[in-house]
Amino acid sequence: DLESHLQRCQQLPVTVLTDHQDLNNTELKTILNSRAPQQYRIRAKLRTYKPQKLYQSIKLHCSKCNSLQEVPDGDDFDFILQGSAVTAPNPELHNTSWYDSVTWTAQDQNQRKVTIHFVKHDEMLQQPEDTLLMIEGGTLKEVSKLTERFKCVIPVRSTEDDLELLDLSAPFLLQGNIKYYGCKQCSSPKPIKGLSSIAAEQQPSWEPTEIAQVLGIELLQYVFIMKFTLVDGTGALNAYLFDY
């Protein structure tokens, strides 16, 4: 794997880290005193790399404001779900023209109310593998179970007159084991009923980019980023790896 490969590179006295066989080697000191962009071939030793753990290299990137942020862990999501469950589902928002609703009482200490809204297509429910649903009051375990069977899951909560997304610290959409996040700074959440326009399409695909667009969400993308410090005796150069 990459981590063990990097460790081996650190143990070697000199490592060729770039190709460009047609170019002569250039000292790092010369590169540091040159204007970018230019192409060089170097011989250097890998002194350090960050992060040390490979999973920490995965970040969330907003292409609009160019911000990078850590991927929230499951505990953060669970905490937000627990907070939203305090607000009971509003029965007046159930069973509309574009979704059917089912409510039950969880057998826990707080008699928690859970509601699932199944989005319809042509006034009919789709097969589970094609269905988008919205859930109110669910736990992380319940949400995860739903993602195993249904195509898309959107956690929501009730207001007086509409359903709304949770705090954007939580994923606004889950597909299988992938969680989709929105940029807090660049998103302007729109009413949930915007999803009805996708449901009305001839063959709703429920693509994350389309869902994000109708909900006013600036979609964050998962990126892989690492920092390498290279040395050759004449200077030290920081090199960054960034890819979607």
C-alpha atoms as a PDB file:
ATOM      1  CA  ASP A   1       0.000   0.000   0.000  1.00  0.00           C
ATOM      2  CA  LEU A   2       0.981   3.670  -0.269  1.00  0.00           C
ATOM      3  CA  GLU A   3       1.875   4.013   3.397  1.00  0.00           C
ATOM      4  CA  SER A   4       4.395   1.155   3.430  1.00  0.00           C
ATOM      5  CA  HIS A   5       5.762   2.358   0.076  1.00  0.00           C
ATOM      6  CA  LEU A   6       6.367   5.819   1.526  1.00  0.00           C
ATOM      7  CA  GLN A   7       8.090   4.319   4.548  1.00  0.00           C
ATOM      8  CA  ARG A   8      10.407   2.355   2.245  1.00  0.00           C
ATOM      9  CA  CYS A   9      11.152   5.547   0.299  1.00  0.00           C
ATOM     10  CA  GLN A  10      12.170   7.277   3.535  1.00  0.00           C
ATOM     11  CA  GLN A  11      14.704   4.529   4.253  1.00  0.00           C
ATOM     12  CA  LEU A  12      16.425   4.810   0.856  1.00  0.00           C
ATOM     13  CA  PRO A  13      19.335   7.304   0.601  1.00  0.00           C
ATOM     14  CA  VAL A  14      18.043   8.860  -2.638  1.00  0.00           C
ATOM     15  CA  THR A  15      14.711   8.385  -4.391  1.00  0.00           C
ATOM     16  CA  VAL A  16      13.741   9.383  -7.925  1.00  0.00           C
ATOM     17  CA  LEU A  17      10.296  10.884  -7.420  1.00  0.00           C
ATOM     18  CA  THR A  18       9.589  12.253 -10.891  1.00  0.00           C
ATOM     19  CA  ASP A  19       9.950  10.872 -14.381  1.00  0.00           C
ATOM     20  CA  HIS A  20      10.887  13.319 -17.198  1.00  0.00           C
ATOM     21  CA  GLN A  21      13.852  11.228 -18.315  1.00  0.00           C
ATOM     22  CA  ASP A  22      14.617  13.792 -21.047  1.00  0.00           C
ATOM     23  CA  LEU A  23      15.436  16.469 -18.443  1.00  0.00           C
ATOM     24  CA  ASN A  24      18.646  16.879 -16.459  1.00  0.00           C
ATOM     25  CA  ASN A  25      18.472  16.830 -12.686  1.00  0.00           C
ATOM     26  CA  THR A  26      17.926  20.228 -11.083  1.00  0.00           C
ATOM     27  CA  GLU A  27      18.890  21.121  -7.521  1.00  0.00           C
ATOM     28  CA  LEU A  28      16.032  22.080  -5.214  1.00  0.00           C
ATOM     29  CA  LYS A  29      17.817  25.371  -4.454  1.00  0.00           C
ATOM     30  CA  THR A  30      17.486  26.326  -8.133  1.00  0.00           C
ATOM     31  CA  ILE A  31      13.814  25.361  -8.227  1.00  0.00           C
ATOM     32  CA  LEU A  32      13.063  27.391  -5.075  1.00  0.00           C
ATOM     33  CA  ASN A  33      14.619  30.468  -6.726  1.00  0.00           C
ATOM     34  CA  SER A  34      12.747  29.979 -10.008  1.00  0.00           C
ATOM     35  CA  ARG A  35       9.358  31.229 -11.107  1.00  0.00           C
ATOM     36  CA  ALA A  36       6.516  28.769 -11.603  1.00  0.00           C
ATOM     37  CA  PRO A  37       5.288  27.110 -13.685  1.00  0.00           C
ATOM     38  CA  GLN A  38       8.260  25.155 -15.030  1.00  0.00           C
ATOM     39  CA  GLN A  39       9.066  21.487 -15.419  1.00  0.00           C
ATOM     40  CA  TYR A  40      11.994  19.884 -13.627  1.00  0.00           C
ATOM     41  CA  ARG A  41      13.466  16.501 -12.905  1.00  0.00           C
ATOM     42  CA  ILE A  42      14.834  16.060  -9.398  1.00  0.00           C
ATOM     43  CA  ARG A  43      16.686  13.544  -7.269  1.00  0.00           C
ATOM     44  CA  ALA A  44      15.634  13.967  -3.689  1.00  0.00           C
ATOM     45  CA  LYS A  45      15.071  12.194  -0.416  1.00  0.00           C
ATOM     46  CA  LEU A  46      11.634  12.018   1.151  1.00  0.00           C
ATOM     47  CA  ARG A  47      12.145  13.557   4.592  1.00  0.00           C
ATOM     48  CA  THR A  48       8.561  13.616   5.874  1.00  0.00           C
ATOM     49  CA  TYR A  49       5.013  13.143   4.686  1.00  0.00           C
ATOM     50  CA  LYS A  50       1.689  14.199   6.168  1.00  0.00           C
ATOM     51  CA  PRO A  51      -0.739  12.968   7.278  1.00  0.00           C
ATOM     52  CA  GLN A  52       0.855   9.906   8.831  1.00  0.00           C
ATOM     53  CA  LYS A  53      -2.348   7.839   8.620  1.00  0.00           C
ATOM     54  CA  LEU A  54      -3.667   7.268   5.129  1.00  0.00           C
ATOM     55  CA  TYR A  55      -7.363   7.649   6.059  1.00  0.00           C
ATOM     56  CA  GLN A  56      -6.609  11.188   7.285  1.00  0.00           C
ATOM     57  CA  SER A  57      -5.741  12.141   3.700  1.00  0.00           C
ATOM     58  CA  ILE A  58      -9.425  12.125   2.701  1.00  0.00           C
ATOM     59  CA  LYS A  59     -10.954  15.615   2.954  1.00  0.00           C
ATOM     60  CA  LEU A  60     -14.058  17.423   1.705  1.00  0.00           C
ATOM     61  CA  HIS A  61     -13.454  20.155  -0.866  1.00  0.00           C
ATOM     62  CA  CYS A  62     -15.717  22.948  -2.090  1.00  0.00           C
ATOM     63  CA  SER A  63     -14.874  23.892  -5.677  1.00  0.00           C
ATOM     64  CA  LYS A  64     -16.735  27.218  -5.276  1.00  0.00           C
ATOM     65  CA  CYS A  65     -14.961  28.725  -2.243  1.00  0.00           C
ATOM     66  CA  ASN A  66     -11.972  26.319  -2.463  1.00  0.00           C
ATOM     67  CA  SER A  67     -12.264  25.375   1.216  1.00  0.00           C
ATOM     68  CA  LEU A  68     -11.066  22.068   2.657  1.00  0.00           C
ATOM     69  CA  GLN A  69     -12.580  20.426   5.703  1.00  0.00           C
ATOM     70  CA  GLU A  70     -12.358  17.197   7.641  1.00  0.00           C
ATOM     71  CA  VAL A  71     -14.856  14.427   6.927  1.00  0.00           C
ATOM     72  CA  PRO A  72     -17.210  14.299   9.957  1.00  0.00           C
ATOM     73  CA  ASP A  73     -17.282  11.007  11.822  1.00  0.00           C
ATOM     74  CA  GLY A  74     -20.319   8.901  12.658  1.00  0.00           C
ATOM     75  CA  ASP A  75     -20.558  10.296  16.185  1.00  0.00           C
ATOM     76  CA  ASP A  76     -21.136  13.816  14.824  1.00  0.00           C
ATOM     77  CA  PHE A  77     -23.939  12.583  12.570  1.00  0.00           C
ATOM     78  CA  ASP A  78     -25.510  10.552  15.381  1.00  0.00           C
ATOM     79  CA  PHE A  79     -25.499  13.613  17.663  1.00  0.00           C
ATOM     80  CA  ILE A  80     -27.273  15.732  15.007  1.00  0.00           C
ATOM     81  CA  LEU A  81     -29.854  12.984  14.427  1.00  0.00           C
ATOM     82  CA  GLN A  82     -30.541  12.775  18.162  1.00  0.00           C
ATOM     83  CA  GLY A  83     -31.027  16.537  18.299  1.00  0.00           C
ATOM     84  CA  SER A  84     -33.470  16.514  15.389  1.00  0.00           C
ATOM     85  CA  ALA A  85     -35.486  13.678  16.957  1.00  0.00           C
ATOM     86  CA  VAL A  86     -36.506  16.026  19.772  1.00  0.00           C
ATOM     87  CA  THR A  87     -38.884  17.733  17.315  1.00  0.00           C
ATOM     88  CA  ALA A  88     -41.854  15.439  16.701  1.00  0.00           C
ATOM     89  CA  PRO A  89     -42.923  14.904  13.068  1.00  0.00           C
ATOM     90  CA  ASN A  90     -45.686  17.282  11.960  1.00  0.00           C
ATOM     91  CA  PRO A  91     -48.718  15.161  10.843  1.00  0.00           C
ATOM     92  CA  GLU A  92     -49.920  18.000   8.604  1.00  0.00           C
ATOM     93  CA  LEU A  93     -46.904  17.403   6.364  1.00  0.00           C
ATOM     94  CA  HIS A  94     -47.681  13.720   5.807  1.00  0.00           C
ATOM     95  CA  ASN A  95     -49.022  12.039   2.633  1.00  0.00           C
ATOM     96  CA  THR A  96     -48.742  14.785   0.041  1.00  0.00           C
ATOM     97  CA  SER A  97     -49.233  14.514  -3.709  1.00  0.00           C
ATOM     98  CA  TRP A  98     -45.595  13.494  -4.213  1.00  0.00           C
ATOM     99  CA  TYR A  99     -44.773  11.308  -1.191  1.00  0.00           C
ATOM    100  CA  ASP A 100     -46.459   8.768   1.110  1.00  0.00           C
ATOM    101  CA  SER A 101     -45.704   8.813   4.833  1.00  0.00           C
ATOM    102  CA  VAL A 102     -45.479   6.098   7.489  1.00  0.00           C
ATOM    103  CA  THR A 103     -45.067   6.836  11.214  1.00  0.00           C
ATOM    104  CA  TRP A 104     -44.352   4.572  14.180  1.00  0.00           C
ATOM    105  CA  THR A 105     -43.285   4.917  17.805  1.00  0.00           C
ATOM    106  CA  ALA A 106     -39.857   3.549  18.673  1.00  0.00           C
ATOM    107  CA  GLN A 107     -39.705   1.272  21.683  1.00  0.00           C
ATOM    108  CA  ASP A 108     -37.210   3.372  23.606  1.00  0.00           C
ATOM    109  CA  GLN A 109     -37.289   5.457  26.752  1.00  0.00           C
ATOM    110  CA  ASN A 110     -38.508   8.616  25.031  1.00  0.00           C
ATOM    111  CA  GLN A 111     -41.199   6.958  22.872  1.00  0.00           C
ATOM    112  CA  ARG A 112     -39.492   8.536  19.888  1.00  0.00           C
ATOM    113  CA  LYS A 113     -41.632   9.161  16.799  1.00  0.00           C
ATOM    114  CA  VAL A 114     -40.119   8.079  13.485  1.00  0.00           C
ATOM    115  CA  THR A 115     -41.581   9.012  10.104  1.00  0.00           C
ATOM    116  CA  ILE A 116     -40.490   7.900   6.653  1.00  0.00           C
ATOM    117  CA  HIS A 117     -41.692   9.762   3.559  1.00  0.00           C
ATOM    118  CA  PHE A 118     -41.472   7.641   0.378  1.00  0.00           C
ATOM    119  CA  VAL A 119     -41.219   9.830  -2.739  1.00  0.00           C
ATOM    120  CA  LYS A 120     -43.599   8.689  -5.507  1.00  0.00           C
ATOM    121  CA  HIS A 121     -43.267   8.664  -9.284  1.00  0.00           C
ATOM    122  CA  ASP A 122     -46.452   8.929 -11.378  1.00  0.00           C
ATOM    123  CA  GLU A 123     -48.389   8.635  -8.100  1.00  0.00           C
ATOM    124  CA  MET A 124     -46.830   5.195  -7.537  1.00  0.00           C
ATOM    125  CA  LEU A 125     -44.087   3.997  -5.219  1.00  0.00           C
ATOM    126  CA  GLN A 126     -40.951   2.830  -7.030  1.00  0.00           C
ATOM    127  CA  GLN A 127     -38.958  -0.315  -6.391  1.00  0.00           C
ATOM    128  CA  PRO A 128     -36.744   0.067  -3.261  1.00  0.00           C
ATOM    129  CA  GLU A 129     -33.555   0.162  -5.354  1.00  0.00           C
ATOM    130  CA  ASP A 130     -34.991   3.166  -7.254  1.00  0.00           C
ATOM    131  CA  THR A 131     -36.626   4.933  -4.305  1.00  0.00           C
ATOM    132  CA  LEU A 132     -35.687   8.158  -2.581  1.00  0.00           C
ATOM    133  CA  LEU A 133     -37.038   8.518   0.933  1.00  0.00           C
ATOM    134  CA  MET A 134     -36.844  11.108   3.693  1.00  0.00           C
ATOM    135  CA  ILE A 135     -36.631  10.158   7.359  1.00  0.00           C
ATOM    136  CA  GLU A 136     -37.528  12.107  10.490  1.00  0.00           C
ATOM    137  CA  GLY A 137     -36.507  11.094  14.003  1.00  0.00           C
ATOM    138  CA  GLY A 138     -34.317   8.162  12.957  1.00  0.00           C
ATOM    139  CA  THR A 139     -31.158   6.985  14.684  1.00  0.00           C
ATOM    140  CA  LEU A 140     -27.848   6.410  12.913  1.00  0.00           C
ATOM    141  CA  LYS A 141     -28.489   2.656  12.989  1.00  0.00           C
ATOM    142  CA  GLU A 142     -31.958   3.066  11.458  1.00  0.00           C
ATOM    143  CA  VAL A 143     -30.685   5.409   8.755  1.00  0.00           C
ATOM    144  CA  SER A 144     -27.860   2.988   7.920  1.00  0.00           C
ATOM    145  CA  LYS A 145     -30.333   0.095   7.613  1.00  0.00           C
ATOM    146  CA  LEU A 146     -32.442   2.095   5.155  1.00  0.00           C
ATOM    147  CA  THR A 147     -29.416   2.899   2.972  1.00  0.00           C
ATOM    148  CA  GLU A 148     -28.823  -0.840   2.544  1.00  0.00           C
ATOM    149  CA  ARG A 149     -32.191  -1.304   0.855  1.00  0.00           C
ATOM    150  CA  PHE A 150     -33.239   2.013  -0.695  1.00  0.00           C
ATOM    151  CA  LYS A 151     -31.394   4.051  -3.315  1.00  0.00           C
ATOM    152  CA  CYS A 152     -31.340   7.436  -1.518  1.00  0.00           C
ATOM    153  CA  VAL A 153     -32.006   8.551   2.035  1.00  0.00           C
ATOM    154  CA  ILE A 154     -32.376  12.191   3.097  1.00  0.00           C
ATOM    155  CA  PRO A 155     -32.589  13.005   6.823  1.00  0.00           C
ATOM    156  CA  VAL A 156     -35.119  15.794   7.470  1.00  0.00           C
ATOM    157  CA  ARG A 157     -37.108  17.432  10.263  1.00  0.00           C
ATOM    158  CA  SER A 158     -40.507  19.135  10.434  1.00  0.00           C
ATOM    159  CA  THR A 159     -41.224  22.818  10.577  1.00  0.00           C
ATOM    160  CA  GLU A 160     -44.687  24.370  10.778  1.00  0.00           C
ATOM    161  CA  ASP A 161     -45.194  24.369   7.025  1.00  0.00           C
ATOM    162  CA  ASP A 162     -42.537  22.178   5.378  1.00  0.00           C
ATOM    163  CA  LEU A 163     -39.848  19.566   5.803  1.00  0.00           C
ATOM    164  CA  GLU A 164     -36.278  20.852   5.931  1.00  0.00           C
ATOM    165  CA  LEU A 165     -32.746  19.511   5.812  1.00  0.00           C
ATOM    166  CA  LEU A 166     -30.756  19.065   9.001  1.00  0.00           C
ATOM    167  CA  ASP A 167     -27.688  21.117   9.881  1.00  0.00           C
ATOM    168  CA  LEU A 168     -25.207  20.872   6.989  1.00  0.00           C
ATOM    169  CA  SER A 169     -22.674  19.383   9.392  1.00  0.00           C
ATOM    170  CA  ALA A 170     -24.677  16.228   8.683  1.00  0.00           C
ATOM    171  CA  PRO A 171     -24.829  14.582   5.266  1.00  0.00           C
ATOM    172  CA  PHE A 172     -27.824  15.894   3.325  1.00  0.00           C
ATOM    173  CA  LEU A 173     -27.962  12.669   1.285  1.00  0.00           C
ATOM    174  CA  LEU A 174     -26.904   9.053   1.743  1.00  0.00           C
ATOM    175  CA  GLN A 175     -26.492   6.535  -1.078  1.00  0.00           C
ATOM    176  CA  GLY A 176     -25.295   3.110  -0.020  1.00  0.00           C
ATOM    177  CA  ASN A 177     -22.181   3.672   2.084  1.00  0.00           C
ATOM    178  CA  ILE A 178     -21.494   7.126   0.594  1.00  0.00           C
ATOM    179  CA  LYS A 179     -22.443  10.240   2.534  1.00  0.00           C
ATOM    180  CA  TYR A 180     -22.858  13.492   0.603  1.00  0.00           C
ATOM    181  CA  TYR A 181     -22.180  16.821   2.293  1.00  0.00           C
ATOM    182  CA  GLY A 182     -22.924  20.428   1.396  1.00  0.00           C
ATOM    183  CA  CYS A 183     -20.758  23.512   1.900  1.00  0.00           C
ATOM    184  CA  LYS A 184     -22.129  25.595   4.781  1.00  0.00           C
ATOM    185  CA  GLN A 185     -20.674  28.774   3.323  1.00  0.00           C
ATOM    186  CA  CYS A 186     -21.847  28.402  -0.285  1.00  0.00           C
ATOM    187  CA  SER A 187     -25.156  26.540   0.101  1.00  0.00           C
ATOM    188  CA  SER A 188     -28.532  28.289   0.199  1.00  0.00           C
ATOM    189  CA  PRO A 189     -30.957  25.490   1.130  1.00  0.00           C
ATOM    190  CA  LYS A 190     -34.246  25.541  -0.777  1.00  0.00           C
ATOM    191  CA  PRO A 191     -37.589  23.929   0.163  1.00  0.00           C
ATOM    192  CA  ILE A 192     -37.668  20.129   0.145  1.00  0.00           C
ATOM    193  CA  LYS A 193     -40.599  20.199  -2.290  1.00  0.00           C
ATOM    194  CA  GLY A 194     -38.041  20.941  -5.017  1.00  0.00           C
ATOM    195  CA  LEU A 195     -37.461  17.165  -5.069  1.00  0.00           C
ATOM    196  CA  SER A 196     -40.925  16.739  -6.600  1.00  0.00           C
ATOM    197  CA  SER A 197     -39.546  18.147  -9.867  1.00  0.00           C
ATOM    198  CA  ILE A 198     -37.090  15.221 -10.092  1.00  0.00           C
ATOM    199  CA  ALA A 199     -39.826  12.736  -9.142  1.00  0.00           C
ATOM    200  CA  ALA A 200     -41.881  14.061 -12.073  1.00  0.00           C
ATOM    201  CA  GLU A 201     -39.149  13.245 -14.606  1.00  0.00           C
ATOM    202  CA  GLN A 202     -39.747  10.359 -16.982  1.00  0.00           C
ATOM    203  CA  GLN A 203     -37.104   8.220 -15.286  1.00  0.00           C
ATOM    204  CA  PRO A 204     -35.922   9.792 -12.002  1.00  0.00           C
ATOM    205  CA  SER A 205     -32.252   8.924 -11.586  1.00  0.00           C
ATOM    206  CA  TRP A 206     -31.780  10.595  -8.187  1.00  0.00           C
ATOM    207  CA  GLU A 207     -28.249  11.679  -9.030  1.00  0.00           C
ATOM    208  CA  PRO A 208     -26.534  13.486  -6.107  1.00  0.00           C
ATOM    209  CA  THR A 209     -25.606  16.489  -8.277  1.00  0.00           C
ATOM    210  CA  GLU A 210     -29.211  16.943  -9.414  1.00  0.00           C
ATOM    211  CA  ILE A 211     -30.576  16.509  -5.887  1.00  0.00           C
ATOM    212  CA  ALA A 212     -28.039  19.042  -4.574  1.00  0.00           C
ATOM    213  CA  GLN A 213     -29.030  21.535  -7.262  1.00  0.00           C
ATOM    214  CA  VAL A 214     -32.778  21.477  -6.551  1.00  0.00           C
ATOM    215  CA  LEU A 215     -32.097  21.693  -2.805  1.00  0.00           C
ATOM    216  CA  GLY A 216     -29.745  24.675  -3.186  1.00  0.00           C
ATOM    217  CA  ILE A 217     -26.741  22.722  -1.918  1.00  0.00           C
ATOM    218  CA  GLU A 218     -23.170  23.338  -3.065  1.00  0.00           C
ATOM    219  CA  LEU A 219     -21.931  19.763  -3.167  1.00  0.00           C
ATOM    220  CA  LEU A 220     -18.645  18.995  -1.413  1.00  0.00           C
ATOM    221  CA  GLN A 221     -16.361  16.530  -3.162  1.00  0.00           C
ATOM    222  CA  TYR A 222     -14.148  13.927  -1.521  1.00  0.00           C
ATOM    223  CA  VAL A 223     -10.498  14.612  -2.272  1.00  0.00           C
ATOM    224  CA  PHE A 224      -7.196  12.902  -1.501  1.00  0.00           C
ATOM    225  CA  ILE A 225      -4.497  15.261  -0.278  1.00  0.00           C
ATOM    226  CA  MET A 226      -0.969  14.700   1.033  1.00  0.00           C
ATOM    227  CA  LYS A 227       2.087  16.841   1.718  1.00  0.00           C
ATOM    228  CA  PHE A 228       5.629  15.602   1.053  1.00  0.00           C
ATOM    229  CA  THR A 229       8.832  17.345   2.137  1.00  0.00           C
ATOM    230  CA  LEU A 230      11.714  16.604  -0.248  1.00  0.00           C
ATOM    231  CA  VAL A 231      15.387  17.346   0.452  1.00  0.00           C
ATOM    232  CA  ASP A 232      18.595  17.030  -1.604  1.00  0.00           C
ATOM    233  CA  GLY A 233      21.194  18.872   0.483  1.00  0.00           C
ATOM    234  CA  THR A 234      20.632  22.204  -1.263  1.00  0.00           C
ATOM    235  CA  GLY A 235      17.156  22.927   0.040  1.00  0.00           C
ATOM    236  CA  ALA A 236      13.795  21.549   1.120  1.00  0.00           C
ATOM    237  CA  LEU A 237      10.719  21.568  -1.111  1.00  0.00           C
ATOM    238  CA  ASN A 238       7.135  20.930  -0.074  1.00  0.00           C
ATOM    239  CA  ALA A 239       5.154  18.986  -2.686  1.00  0.00           C
ATOM    240  CA  TYR A 240       1.403  18.512  -2.504  1.00  0.00           C
ATOM    241  CA  LEU A 241      -0.688  15.700  -3.954  1.00  0.00           C
ATOM    242  CA  PHE A 242      -4.327  16.673  -4.559  1.00  0.00           C
ATOM    243  CA  ASP A 243      -6.814  14.577  -6.501  1.00  0.00           C
ATOM    244  CA  TYR A 244     -10.529  13.784  -6.602  1.00  0.00           C
END
